[in-house]
Structure formats: structure tokens, C-alpha cells
Amino acid sequence: MCVFVFVTQSDMDLVAKGEWTELLLSNGGVWNMARCKKWAPNTCKILRGLHELEGRPPGYEAAMQPGQVTFLRLEPGTHLSVHTGPVNHRLTLHLGVRTPAKASMTVAKEHTVEWHEGRAVVFDDSFVHEVWHNGTEPRVILYVSRWHPDVWTRLPDPAADDGVKPQRKVTGAPVTREE
């Protein structure tokens, strides 16, 4: 049986009621290979090495690194308060793994979505969002944060008339950590 651990203290402040836990596989492009091997070898094999998770676009060397991969579990009766992600240069993907009824998220105070097994919800989490789980079984998603595609395709170019040109150059290499 997989053991989920409590989320960071800053994330715990979002829990208005209930319980939210995670199984962190990668953070900032650094992979926990022991957890990958034990709990999610196929998931890690598919995602490791993707520049969208581990690379750094030119001009973003000092920016917060997306690239978090984690399984998030919400217990029935959990409510995560209204919150935002820290930056808008990333996108967040939620892939439904175990998705009981009555678990939902409202994004930008207008769009309410429910998770479905095998289906992904992708959004810019710099918009306010809030989560409720009023079902009777735990909800589990695969959470992946990645660089927003626009940071790869529209970087400043002083030689261009409009100052912007498409680019695909990436830097960085996968980083792993054994636990």
C-alpha cells in the first residue's frame, strides 16, 4: 500500500477542513528515485527528461522552477480554501487516478470542473481556485506543473521588429535524488 505524507506547511494552510496528502516524486526537476522505483516506475519513466519539467528557458534561469510531479490525495469532506499558485509561467495538469463523485474545483470563480479517471484538467493556477471533496472515497490525482508553453515560443529578440521571435532552445538536464 502506498503511503501518502502530509503536504508542506505552507500548503497545509490551504486546508480549511479535512485532509490533503501527497506522494512527491519530483520537485523543481529533482526526482526522488527511491519513490519512483517503489511507487510509480512507469509514471517516472514517462515524465523524466521532459524539458517542460526539467529544463530552463533562456531568460528564466533565476525563475521558480516548475517541474513538480506528485500524487495528491484528498480525503472525503476536505475543503481547500481559495488560493493561487505563485507564478504564471507554468501550467498545472491534474490527471484523474481515483475520482469519486462530488469532488470539484472552481477556477477563476467561474469554471467548475470535476475530475474523471484517465482525463486531464490543465489550467494556469495563478488564477484563484478552490477545491471541495464532498464524496465518500478518497480522490487521487497525478499533479504535474510544467513550464507554460509561451515561455519557450515567445522570448525577447532585440533584432526582431516586434522584439519577439519563436525559439525552442532549452537548457538544463534531469536532476535526480536518491532517498
Foldseek 3Di string as FASTA:
>chain_A
DDDWAADDPVQVVQWPDFGKTKAWQDALLAGAVVCCVVPNVPVCVVPAWDCQQFWAFPPCPPPRHFRTKMKMKTAAFIKGHKDADDDQQKKKKWAWDDFDPQKWKDWLNPDIDGHDHGDMDIGRRRTIMMIHHNDHGMTIIIMGMGGDVCSQQWDADPVDPVRTGGHRDIDGGRHYDYD
